[in-house]
Amino acid sequence: MHVLLKNGKGVLAQVAAAVAAAEADITHIAMGAEPAADSAELVLQLSVRDRLHLADVLRALRRCAAVMRAARVKP
């Protein structure tokens, strides 16, 4: 899943807490190598039960104040 967020202190912790609150696991995180800016893009690989669980995780992420956009990456 792609997540675009406002760059700042504790933002990664907010994302991890939202995923954990939705009872999912982060199995891999990739971040761009661009220098620090106002926003950052993450690519998260998650372990979820099914599509409904994934939808719950997306909703939890979108409720985070630092998250500007969260979307599923289709293979």
PDB file of N, CA and C in Angstrom:
ATOM      1  N   MET A   1       0.847  -1.161   0.000  1.00  0.00           N
ATOM      2  CA  MET A   1       0.000   0.000   0.000  1.00  0.00           C
ATOM      3  C   MET A   1       0.891   1.223   0.000  1.00  0.00           C
ATOM      4  N   HIS A   2       0.466   2.247  -0.714  1.00  0.00           N
ATOM      5  CA  HIS A   2       1.176   3.524  -0.759  1.00  0.00           C
ATOM      6  C   HIS A   2       0.549   4.465   0.260  1.00  0.00           C
ATOM      7  N   VAL A   3       1.389   5.130   1.040  1.00  0.00           N
ATOM      8  CA  VAL A   3       0.915   6.091   2.022  1.00  0.00           C
ATOM      9  C   VAL A   3       1.706   7.382   1.834  1.00  0.00           C
ATOM     10  N   LEU A   4       1.005   8.474   1.593  1.00  0.00           N
ATOM     11  CA  LEU A   4       1.619   9.789   1.493  1.00  0.00           C
ATOM     12  C   LEU A   4       1.300  10.522   2.779  1.00  0.00           C
ATOM     13  N   LEU A   5       2.351  11.017   3.453  1.00  0.00           N
ATOM     14  CA  LEU A   5       2.110  11.672   4.727  1.00  0.00           C
ATOM     15  C   LEU A   5       2.915  12.936   4.896  1.00  0.00           C
ATOM     16  N   LYS A   6       2.424  13.753   5.812  1.00  0.00           N
ATOM     17  CA  LYS A   6       3.131  14.980   6.158  1.00  0.00           C
ATOM     18  C   LYS A   6       4.364  14.585   6.939  1.00  0.00           C
ATOM     19  N   ASN A   7       5.490  15.089   6.528  1.00  0.00           N
ATOM     20  CA  ASN A   7       6.736  14.746   7.182  1.00  0.00           C
ATOM     21  C   ASN A   7       6.823  15.469   8.525  1.00  0.00           C
ATOM     22  N   GLY A   8       7.172  14.756   9.565  1.00  0.00           N
ATOM     23  CA  GLY A   8       7.297  15.377  10.872  1.00  0.00           C
ATOM     24  C   GLY A   8       7.705  14.366  11.918  1.00  0.00           C
ATOM     25  N   LYS A   9       7.903  14.876  13.099  1.00  0.00           N
ATOM     26  CA  LYS A   9       8.341  14.052  14.218  1.00  0.00           C
ATOM     27  C   LYS A   9       7.202  13.131  14.669  1.00  0.00           C
ATOM     28  N   GLY A  10       7.489  11.840  14.795  1.00  0.00           N
ATOM     29  CA  GLY A  10       6.528  10.878  15.303  1.00  0.00           C
ATOM     30  C   GLY A  10       5.517  10.370  14.296  1.00  0.00           C
ATOM     31  N   VAL A  11       5.664  10.754  13.032  1.00  0.00           N
ATOM     32  CA  VAL A  11       4.687  10.359  12.010  1.00  0.00           C
ATOM     33  C   VAL A  11       4.723   8.853  11.760  1.00  0.00           C
ATOM     34  N   LEU A  12       5.909   8.294  11.683  1.00  0.00           N
ATOM     35  CA  LEU A  12       6.031   6.856  11.459  1.00  0.00           C
ATOM     36  C   LEU A  12       5.404   6.077  12.622  1.00  0.00           C
ATOM     37  N   ALA A  13       5.555   6.580  13.825  1.00  0.00           N
ATOM     38  CA  ALA A  13       4.947   5.945  14.998  1.00  0.00           C
ATOM     39  C   ALA A  13       3.423   5.998  14.908  1.00  0.00           C
ATOM     40  N   GLN A  14       2.867   7.100  14.403  1.00  0.00           N
ATOM     41  CA  GLN A  14       1.412   7.210  14.235  1.00  0.00           C
ATOM     42  C   GLN A  14       0.905   6.188  13.228  1.00  0.00           C
ATOM     43  N   VAL A  15       1.637   6.029  12.135  1.00  0.00           N
ATOM     44  CA  VAL A  15       1.248   5.053  11.108  1.00  0.00           C
ATOM     45  C   VAL A  15       1.300   3.645  11.680  1.00  0.00           C
ATOM     46  N   ALA A  16       2.374   3.315  12.377  1.00  0.00           N
ATOM     47  CA  ALA A  16       2.511   1.984  12.974  1.00  0.00           C
ATOM     48  C   ALA A  16       1.422   1.735  14.009  1.00  0.00           C
ATOM     49  N   ALA A  17       1.081   2.750  14.792  1.00  0.00           N
ATOM     50  CA  ALA A  17       0.027   2.600  15.804  1.00  0.00           C
ATOM     51  C   ALA A  17      -1.334   2.384  15.147  1.00  0.00           C
ATOM     52  N   ALA A  18      -1.611   3.072  14.047  1.00  0.00           N
ATOM     53  CA  ALA A  18      -2.888   2.900  13.345  1.00  0.00           C
ATOM     54  C   ALA A  18      -3.003   1.492  12.770  1.00  0.00           C
ATOM     55  N   VAL A  19      -1.915   0.990  12.205  1.00  0.00           N
ATOM     56  CA  VAL A  19      -1.921  -0.369  11.655  1.00  0.00           C
ATOM     57  C   VAL A  19      -2.102  -1.380  12.785  1.00  0.00           C
ATOM     58  N   ALA A  20      -1.417  -1.188  13.885  1.00  0.00           N
ATOM     59  CA  ALA A  20      -1.546  -2.103  15.025  1.00  0.00           C
ATOM     60  C   ALA A  20      -2.947  -2.052  15.622  1.00  0.00           C
ATOM     61  N   ALA A  21      -3.545  -0.856  15.696  1.00  0.00           N
ATOM     62  CA  ALA A  21      -4.899  -0.729  16.235  1.00  0.00           C
ATOM     63  C   ALA A  21      -5.914  -1.454  15.356  1.00  0.00           C
ATOM     64  N   ALA A  22      -5.624  -1.547  14.062  1.00  0.00           N
ATOM     65  CA  ALA A  22      -6.509  -2.270  13.144  1.00  0.00           C
ATOM     66  C   ALA A  22      -6.187  -3.766  13.121  1.00  0.00           C
ATOM     67  N   GLU A  23      -5.299  -4.195  14.010  1.00  0.00           N
ATOM     68  CA  GLU A  23      -4.914  -5.595  14.179  1.00  0.00           C
ATOM     69  C   GLU A  23      -4.275  -6.195  12.933  1.00  0.00           C
ATOM     70  N   ALA A  24      -3.419  -5.400  12.273  1.00  0.00           N
ATOM     71  CA  ALA A  24      -2.657  -5.882  11.128  1.00  0.00           C
ATOM     72  C   ALA A  24      -1.175  -5.792  11.475  1.00  0.00           C
ATOM     73  N   ASP A  25      -0.354  -6.434  10.662  1.00  0.00           N
ATOM     74  CA  ASP A  25       1.092  -6.422  10.880  1.00  0.00           C
ATOM     75  C   ASP A  25       1.796  -5.799   9.680  1.00  0.00           C
ATOM     76  N   ILE A  26       2.791  -4.981   9.951  1.00  0.00           N
ATOM     77  CA  ILE A  26       3.646  -4.434   8.902  1.00  0.00           C
ATOM     78  C   ILE A  26       4.778  -5.433   8.700  1.00  0.00           C
ATOM     79  N   THR A  27       4.894  -5.971   7.478  1.00  0.00           N
ATOM     80  CA  THR A  27       5.954  -6.937   7.204  1.00  0.00           C
ATOM     81  C   THR A  27       7.147  -6.304   6.502  1.00  0.00           C
ATOM     82  N   HIS A  28       6.933  -5.132   5.850  1.00  0.00           N
ATOM     83  CA  HIS A  28       8.031  -4.448   5.163  1.00  0.00           C
ATOM     84  C   HIS A  28       7.661  -2.987   4.951  1.00  0.00           C
ATOM     85  N   ILE A  29       8.642  -2.095   5.107  1.00  0.00           N
ATOM     86  CA  ILE A  29       8.454  -0.668   4.837  1.00  0.00           C
ATOM     87  C   ILE A  29       9.554  -0.221   3.885  1.00  0.00           C
ATOM     88  N   ALA A  30       9.163   0.508   2.839  1.00  0.00           N
ATOM     89  CA  ALA A  30      10.127   1.115   1.925  1.00  0.00           C
ATOM     90  C   ALA A  30       9.838   2.603   1.872  1.00  0.00           C
ATOM     91  N   MET A  31      10.909   3.393   1.958  1.00  0.00           N
ATOM     92  CA  MET A  31      10.788   4.847   1.889  1.00  0.00           C
ATOM     93  C   MET A  31      11.674   5.340   0.760  1.00  0.00           C
ATOM     94  N   GLY A  32      11.253   6.439   0.149  1.00  0.00           N
ATOM     95  CA  GLY A  32      12.055   7.030  -0.910  1.00  0.00           C
ATOM     96  C   GLY A  32      13.367   7.572  -0.377  1.00  0.00           C
ATOM     97  N   ALA A  33      14.321   7.767  -1.263  1.00  0.00           N
ATOM     98  CA  ALA A  33      15.638   8.269  -0.869  1.00  0.00           C
ATOM     99  C   ALA A  33      15.748   9.777  -1.044  1.00  0.00           C
ATOM    100  N   GLU A  34      14.635  10.438  -1.382  1.00  0.00           N
ATOM    101  CA  GLU A  34      14.678  11.884  -1.582  1.00  0.00           C
ATOM    102  C   GLU A  34      14.932  12.592  -0.250  1.00  0.00           C
ATOM    103  N   PRO A  35      15.524  13.781  -0.314  1.00  0.00           N
ATOM    104  CA  PRO A  35      15.798  14.524   0.925  1.00  0.00           C
ATOM    105  C   PRO A  35      14.504  14.927   1.637  1.00  0.00           C
ATOM    106  N   ALA A  36      14.625  15.236   2.902  1.00  0.00           N
ATOM    107  CA  ALA A  36      13.467  15.611   3.711  1.00  0.00           C
ATOM    108  C   ALA A  36      12.722  16.780   3.073  1.00  0.00           C
ATOM    109  N   ALA A  37      11.414  16.653   3.026  1.00  0.00           N
ATOM    110  CA  ALA A  37      10.561  17.694   2.456  1.00  0.00           C
ATOM    111  C   ALA A  37       9.311  17.797   3.325  1.00  0.00           C
ATOM    112  N   ASP A  38       8.292  18.471   2.816  1.00  0.00           N
ATOM    113  CA  ASP A  38       7.045  18.610   3.563  1.00  0.00           C
ATOM    114  C   ASP A  38       6.274  17.304   3.654  1.00  0.00           C
ATOM    115  N   SER A  39       6.499  16.411   2.686  1.00  0.00           N
ATOM    116  CA  SER A  39       5.778  15.145   2.683  1.00  0.00           C
ATOM    117  C   SER A  39       6.743  13.998   2.405  1.00  0.00           C
ATOM    118  N   ALA A  40       6.297  12.797   2.734  1.00  0.00           N
ATOM    119  CA  ALA A  40       7.092  11.598   2.497  1.00  0.00           C
ATOM    120  C   ALA A  40       6.158  10.506   2.003  1.00  0.00           C
ATOM    121  N   GLU A  41       6.693   9.629   1.161  1.00  0.00           N
ATOM    122  CA  GLU A  41       5.897   8.522   0.658  1.00  0.00           C
ATOM    123  C   GLU A  41       6.458   7.211   1.194  1.00  0.00           C
ATOM    124  N   LEU A  42       5.571   6.389   1.729  1.00  0.00           N
ATOM    125  CA  LEU A  42       5.939   5.070   2.230  1.00  0.00           C
ATOM    126  C   LEU A  42       5.252   4.017   1.375  1.00  0.00           C
ATOM    127  N   VAL A  43       5.921   2.897   1.224  1.00  0.00           N
ATOM    128  CA  VAL A  43       5.287   1.726   0.634  1.00  0.00           C
ATOM    129  C   VAL A  43       5.295   0.674   1.731  1.00  0.00           C
ATOM    130  N   LEU A  44       4.099   0.302   2.178  1.00  0.00           N
ATOM    131  CA  LEU A  44       3.960  -0.667   3.266  1.00  0.00           C
ATOM    132  C   LEU A  44       3.508  -2.008   2.715  1.00  0.00           C
ATOM    133  N   GLN A  45       4.108  -3.058   3.209  1.00  0.00           N
ATOM    134  CA  GLN A  45       3.615  -4.397   2.927  1.00  0.00           C
ATOM    135  C   GLN A  45       2.998  -4.887   4.227  1.00  0.00           C
ATOM    136  N   LEU A  46       1.719  -5.250   4.173  1.00  0.00           N
ATOM    137  CA  LEU A  46       0.980  -5.613   5.377  1.00  0.00           C
ATOM    138  C   LEU A  46       0.506  -7.051   5.336  1.00  0.00           C
ATOM    139  N   SER A  47       0.323  -7.604   6.500  1.00  0.00           N
ATOM    140  CA  SER A  47      -0.284  -8.917   6.639  1.00  0.00           C
ATOM    141  C   SER A  47      -1.701  -8.706   7.166  1.00  0.00           C
ATOM    142  N   VAL A  48      -2.690  -9.019   6.328  1.00  0.00           N
ATOM    143  CA  VAL A  48      -4.097  -8.860   6.701  1.00  0.00           C
ATOM    144  C   VAL A  48      -4.837 -10.167   6.436  1.00  0.00           C
ATOM    145  N   ARG A  49      -6.026 -10.304   7.045  1.00  0.00           N
ATOM    146  CA  ARG A  49      -6.810 -11.533   6.896  1.00  0.00           C
ATOM    147  C   ARG A  49      -7.484 -11.639   5.544  1.00  0.00           C
ATOM    148  N   ASP A  50      -8.085 -10.545   5.096  1.00  0.00           N
ATOM    149  CA  ASP A  50      -8.846 -10.549   3.847  1.00  0.00           C
ATOM    150  C   ASP A  50      -9.050  -9.114   3.376  1.00  0.00           C
ATOM    151  N   ARG A  51      -9.836  -8.930   2.319  1.00  0.00           N
ATOM    152  CA  ARG A  51     -10.045  -7.591   1.764  1.00  0.00           C
ATOM    153  C   ARG A  51     -10.775  -6.674   2.731  1.00  0.00           C
ATOM    154  N   LEU A  52     -11.702  -7.226   3.506  1.00  0.00           N
ATOM    155  CA  LEU A  52     -12.426  -6.405   4.476  1.00  0.00           C
ATOM    156  C   LEU A  52     -11.492  -5.892   5.566  1.00  0.00           C
ATOM    157  N   HIS A  53     -10.575  -6.729   5.985  1.00  0.00           N
ATOM    158  CA  HIS A  53      -9.591  -6.326   6.984  1.00  0.00           C
ATOM    159  C   HIS A  53      -8.692  -5.236   6.406  1.00  0.00           C
ATOM    160  N   LEU A  54      -8.296  -5.384   5.134  1.00  0.00           N
ATOM    161  CA  LEU A  54      -7.495  -4.361   4.474  1.00  0.00           C
ATOM    162  C   LEU A  54      -8.248  -3.028   4.433  1.00  0.00           C
ATOM    163  N   ALA A  55      -9.544  -3.079   4.147  1.00  0.00           N
ATOM    164  CA  ALA A  55     -10.356  -1.856   4.120  1.00  0.00           C
ATOM    165  C   ALA A  55     -10.372  -1.195   5.499  1.00  0.00           C
ATOM    166  N   ASP A  56     -10.434  -1.994   6.560  1.00  0.00           N
ATOM    167  CA  ASP A  56     -10.387  -1.454   7.929  1.00  0.00           C
ATOM    168  C   ASP A  56      -9.049  -0.756   8.194  1.00  0.00           C
ATOM    169  N   VAL A  57      -7.968  -1.365   7.731  1.00  0.00           N
ATOM    170  CA  VAL A  57      -6.638  -0.781   7.922  1.00  0.00           C
ATOM    171  C   VAL A  57      -6.534   0.542   7.163  1.00  0.00           C
ATOM    172  N   LEU A  58      -7.029   0.575   5.939  1.00  0.00           N
ATOM    173  CA  LEU A  58      -7.004   1.817   5.155  1.00  0.00           C
ATOM    174  C   LEU A  58      -7.788   2.918   5.855  1.00  0.00           C
ATOM    175  N   ARG A  59      -8.950   2.587   6.391  1.00  0.00           N
ATOM    176  CA  ARG A  59      -9.749   3.587   7.117  1.00  0.00           C
ATOM    177  C   ARG A  59      -8.992   4.105   8.333  1.00  0.00           C
ATOM    178  N   ALA A  60      -8.353   3.202   9.061  1.00  0.00           N
ATOM    179  CA  ALA A  60      -7.589   3.605  10.248  1.00  0.00           C
ATOM    180  C   ALA A  60      -6.447   4.544   9.856  1.00  0.00           C
ATOM    181  N   LEU A  61      -5.779   4.245   8.761  1.00  0.00           N
ATOM    182  CA  LEU A  61      -4.688   5.106   8.309  1.00  0.00           C
ATOM    183  C   LEU A  61      -5.202   6.468   7.869  1.00  0.00           C
ATOM    184  N   ARG A  62      -6.292   6.487   7.161  1.00  0.00           N
ATOM    185  CA  ARG A  62      -6.839   7.753   6.653  1.00  0.00           C
ATOM    186  C   ARG A  62      -7.329   8.659   7.775  1.00  0.00           C
ATOM    187  N   ARG A  63      -7.617   8.084   8.938  1.00  0.00           N
ATOM    188  CA  ARG A  63      -8.039   8.893  10.094  1.00  0.00           C
ATOM    189  C   ARG A  63      -6.869   9.586  10.776  1.00  0.00           C
ATOM    190  N   CYS A  64      -5.659   9.145  10.506  1.00  0.00           N
ATOM    191  CA  CYS A  64      -4.467   9.779  11.087  1.00  0.00           C
ATOM    192  C   CYS A  64      -4.307  11.181  10.506  1.00  0.00           C
ATOM    193  N   ALA A  65      -4.035  12.134  11.362  1.00  0.00           N
ATOM    194  CA  ALA A  65      -3.890  13.524  10.922  1.00  0.00           C
ATOM    195  C   ALA A  65      -2.715  13.696   9.961  1.00  0.00           C
ATOM    196  N   ALA A  66      -1.669  12.916  10.122  1.00  0.00           N
ATOM    197  CA  ALA A  66      -0.476  13.072   9.287  1.00  0.00           C
ATOM    198  C   ALA A  66      -0.622  12.432   7.910  1.00  0.00           C
ATOM    199  N   VAL A  67      -1.595  11.540   7.743  1.00  0.00           N
ATOM    200  CA  VAL A  67      -1.751  10.832   6.468  1.00  0.00           C
ATOM    201  C   VAL A  67      -2.550  11.686   5.498  1.00  0.00           C
ATOM    202  N   MET A  68      -1.938  11.955   4.354  1.00  0.00           N
ATOM    203  CA  MET A  68      -2.611  12.744   3.320  1.00  0.00           C
ATOM    204  C   MET A  68      -3.339  11.836   2.325  1.00  0.00           C
ATOM    205  N   ARG A  69      -2.766  10.649   2.084  1.00  0.00           N
ATOM    206  CA  ARG A  69      -3.385   9.700   1.151  1.00  0.00           C
ATOM    207  C   ARG A  69      -2.909   8.302   1.486  1.00  0.00           C
ATOM    208  N   ALA A  70      -3.805   7.338   1.415  1.00  0.00           N
ATOM    209  CA  ALA A  70      -3.450   5.929   1.599  1.00  0.00           C
ATOM    210  C   ALA A  70      -4.241   5.126   0.580  1.00  0.00           C
ATOM    211  N   ALA A  71      -3.552   4.282  -0.167  1.00  0.00           N
ATOM    212  CA  ALA A  71      -4.207   3.525  -1.212  1.00  0.00           C
ATOM    213  C   ALA A  71      -3.559   2.151  -1.366  1.00  0.00           C
ATOM    214  N   ARG A  72      -4.366   1.202  -1.758  1.00  0.00           N
ATOM    215  CA  ARG A  72      -3.906  -0.155  -2.014  1.00  0.00           C
ATOM    216  C   ARG A  72      -3.137  -0.189  -3.332  1.00  0.00           C
ATOM    217  N   VAL A  73      -2.091  -0.978  -3.348  1.00  0.00           N
ATOM    218  CA  VAL A  73      -1.339  -1.205  -4.579  1.00  0.00           C
ATOM    219  C   VAL A  73      -1.764  -2.565  -5.101  1.00  0.00           C
ATOM    220  N   LYS A  74      -2.342  -2.570  -6.280  1.00  0.00           N
ATOM    221  CA  LYS A  74      -2.779  -3.836  -6.873  1.00  0.00           C
ATOM    222  C   LYS A  74      -1.623  -4.461  -7.636  1.00  0.00           C
ATOM    223  N   PRO A  75      -1.462  -5.783  -7.496  1.00  0.00           N
ATOM    224  CA  PRO A  75      -0.335  -6.461  -8.179  1.00  0.00           C
ATOM    225  C   PRO A  75      -0.480  -6.465  -9.685  1.00  0.00           C
TER     226      PRO A  75
END
